[in-house]
C-alpha atoms as a PDB file:
ATOM      1  CA  MET A   1      13.267 -28.352  24.003  1.00  0.00           C
ATOM      2  CA  GLN A   2      11.614 -24.970  24.300  1.00  0.00           C
ATOM      3  CA  LYS A   3      10.079 -23.077  21.448  1.00  0.00           C
ATOM      4  CA  ALA A   4      11.483 -19.698  20.592  1.00  0.00           C
ATOM      5  CA  ARG A   5       9.329 -16.723  21.461  1.00  0.00           C
ATOM      6  CA  PRO A   6       7.982 -14.545  18.678  1.00  0.00           C
ATOM      7  CA  THR A   7      10.517 -11.895  17.861  1.00  0.00           C
ATOM      8  CA  ALA A   8       9.915  -8.177  17.883  1.00  0.00           C
ATOM      9  CA  ASN A   9      10.032  -8.226  14.082  1.00  0.00           C
ATOM     10  CA  LYS A  10       7.176 -10.702  13.918  1.00  0.00           C
ATOM     11  CA  ARG A  11       5.074  -8.614  16.303  1.00  0.00           C
ATOM     12  CA  LEU A  12       5.816  -5.545  14.195  1.00  0.00           C
ATOM     13  CA  ARG A  13       4.763  -7.360  10.995  1.00  0.00           C
ATOM     14  CA  GLU A  14       1.567  -8.573  12.628  1.00  0.00           C
ATOM     15  CA  ARG A  15       0.767  -5.051  13.844  1.00  0.00           C
ATOM     16  CA  GLN A  16       1.391  -3.628  10.339  1.00  0.00           C
ATOM     17  CA  ARG A  17      -0.817  -6.311   8.800  1.00  0.00           C
ATOM     18  CA  ALA A  18      -3.617  -5.514  11.252  1.00  0.00           C
ATOM     19  CA  ASP A  19      -3.247  -1.790  10.525  1.00  0.00           C
ATOM     20  CA  ARG A  20      -3.468  -2.432   6.770  1.00  0.00           C
ATOM     21  CA  ARG A  21      -6.635  -4.493   7.297  1.00  0.00           C
ATOM     22  CA  LYS A  22      -8.201  -1.654   9.297  1.00  0.00           C
ATOM     23  CA  GLU A  23      -7.256   0.927   6.650  1.00  0.00           C
ATOM     24  CA  LYS A  24      -8.637  -1.274   3.894  1.00  0.00           C
ATOM     25  CA  ALA A  25     -11.903  -1.756   5.768  1.00  0.00           C
ATOM     26  CA  GLN A  26     -12.163   2.015   6.253  1.00  0.00           C
ATOM     27  CA  ARG A  27     -11.579   2.603   2.524  1.00  0.00           C
ATOM     28  CA  ARG A  28     -14.328   0.085   1.719  1.00  0.00           C
ATOM     29  CA  VAL A  29     -16.776   1.898   4.002  1.00  0.00           C
ATOM     30  CA  GLU A  30     -15.895   5.267   2.429  1.00  0.00           C
ATOM     31  CA  SER A  31     -16.178   3.834  -1.084  1.00  0.00           C
ATOM     32  CA  ASN A  32     -19.580   2.311  -0.375  1.00  0.00           C
ATOM     33  CA  ALA A  33     -20.809   5.598   1.110  1.00  0.00           C
ATOM     34  CA  ARG A  34     -19.540   7.513  -1.940  1.00  0.00           C
ATOM     35  CA  ARG A  35     -21.312   5.090  -4.288  1.00  0.00           C
ATOM     36  CA  ALA A  36     -24.541   5.399  -2.326  1.00  0.00           C
ATOM     37  CA  GLN A  37     -24.442   9.207  -2.648  1.00  0.00           C
ATOM     38  CA  ALA A  38     -23.549   9.216  -6.351  1.00  0.00           C
ATOM     39  CA  PRO A  39     -26.328   9.951  -8.846  1.00  0.00           C
ATOM     40  CA  PRO A  40     -27.683   6.909 -10.659  1.00  0.00           C
ATOM     41  CA  ARG A  41     -26.078   6.015 -13.949  1.00  0.00           C
ATOM     42  CA  PRO A  42     -28.143   6.542 -17.103  1.00  0.00           C
ATOM     43  CA  GLN A  43     -29.653   3.331 -18.404  1.00  0.00           C
ATOM     44  CA  GLY A  44     -29.372   2.130 -21.970  1.00  0.00           C
ATOM     45  CA  GLU A  45     -25.901   3.282 -23.046  1.00  0.00           C
ATOM     46  CA  ASP A  46     -22.518   2.577 -21.516  1.00  0.00           C
ATOM     47  CA  PRO A  47     -20.852   5.948 -20.829  1.00  0.00           C
ATOM     48  CA  ASP A  48     -17.415   4.477 -21.586  1.00  0.00           C
ATOM     49  CA  ILE A  49     -18.343   3.726 -25.181  1.00  0.00           C
ATOM     50  CA  ALA A  50     -20.933   6.454 -25.812  1.00  0.00           C
ATOM     51  CA  GLY A  51     -20.557   8.001 -29.248  1.00  0.00           C
ATOM     52  CA  ILE A  52     -18.251   5.332 -30.656  1.00  0.00           C
ATOM     53  CA  ARG A  53     -19.413   3.939 -33.958  1.00  0.00           C
ATOM     54  CA  PRO A  54     -18.320   0.681 -35.602  1.00  0.00           C
ATOM     55  CA  GLY A  55     -15.506   0.889 -38.097  1.00  0.00           C
ATOM     56  CA  PRO A  56     -12.506   3.162 -38.403  1.00  0.00           C
ATOM     57  CA  GLN A  57     -12.488   6.101 -36.028  1.00  0.00           C
ATOM     58  CA  PRO A  58     -11.539   9.634 -37.053  1.00  0.00           C
ATOM     59  CA  SER A  59      -7.914  10.562 -36.500  1.00  0.00           C
ATOM     60  CA  PRO A  60      -7.320  12.380 -33.203  1.00  0.00           C
ATOM     61  CA  TYR A  61      -4.678  14.462 -35.019  1.00  0.00           C
ATOM     62  CA  ALA A  62      -7.256  15.959 -37.385  1.00  0.00           C
ATOM     63  CA  GLU A  63      -8.633  18.100 -34.549  1.00  0.00           C
ATOM     64  CA  MET A  64      -5.165  19.551 -33.893  1.00  0.00           C
ATOM     65  CA  GLY A  65      -4.690  20.608 -37.500  1.00  0.00           C
ATOM     66  CA  ASP A  66      -1.694  18.340 -38.073  1.00  0.00           C
ATOM     67  CA  ASP A  67      -1.365  16.570 -41.392  1.00  0.00           C
ATOM     68  CA  LEU A  68      -0.367  13.336 -39.673  1.00  0.00           C
ATOM     69  CA  SER A  69      -2.528  10.383 -40.518  1.00  0.00           C
ATOM     70  CA  VAL A  70      -2.673   6.853 -39.199  1.00  0.00           C
ATOM     71  CA  GLU A  71      -1.644   5.438 -42.568  1.00  0.00           C
ATOM     72  CA  ALA A  72       1.456   7.652 -42.817  1.00  0.00           C
ATOM     73  CA  ALA A  73       2.517   6.797 -39.271  1.00  0.00           C
ATOM     74  CA  GLY A  74       2.067   3.089 -39.999  1.00  0.00           C
ATOM     75  CA  ASP A  75       4.228   3.279 -43.132  1.00  0.00           C
ATOM     76  CA  ASP A  76       7.161   4.665 -41.156  1.00  0.00           C
ATOM     77  CA  LEU A  77       7.071   1.700 -38.821  1.00  0.00           C
ATOM     78  CA  THR A  78       7.160  -0.937 -41.555  1.00  0.00           C
ATOM     79  CA  GLU A  79      10.167   0.475 -43.448  1.00  0.00           C
ATOM     80  CA  GLU A  80      13.512  -1.128 -42.734  1.00  0.00           C
END
């Protein structure tokens, strides 16, 4: 018995997979180059959490001038 030849669909899938690998490799090269050119990060404090203090945080609505508070919003959710 003879084996079936690879179909055109399989060749197309393999070509697409190879193209995706090439694109991914190119993105990696670009990303590494971008990181190498970026200024160094400041040492000592994580910029994602800079300025956050332990405990309750101020309401983000206070800056907008709204009288909404976290406690009032929470009370509405618990009522049934």
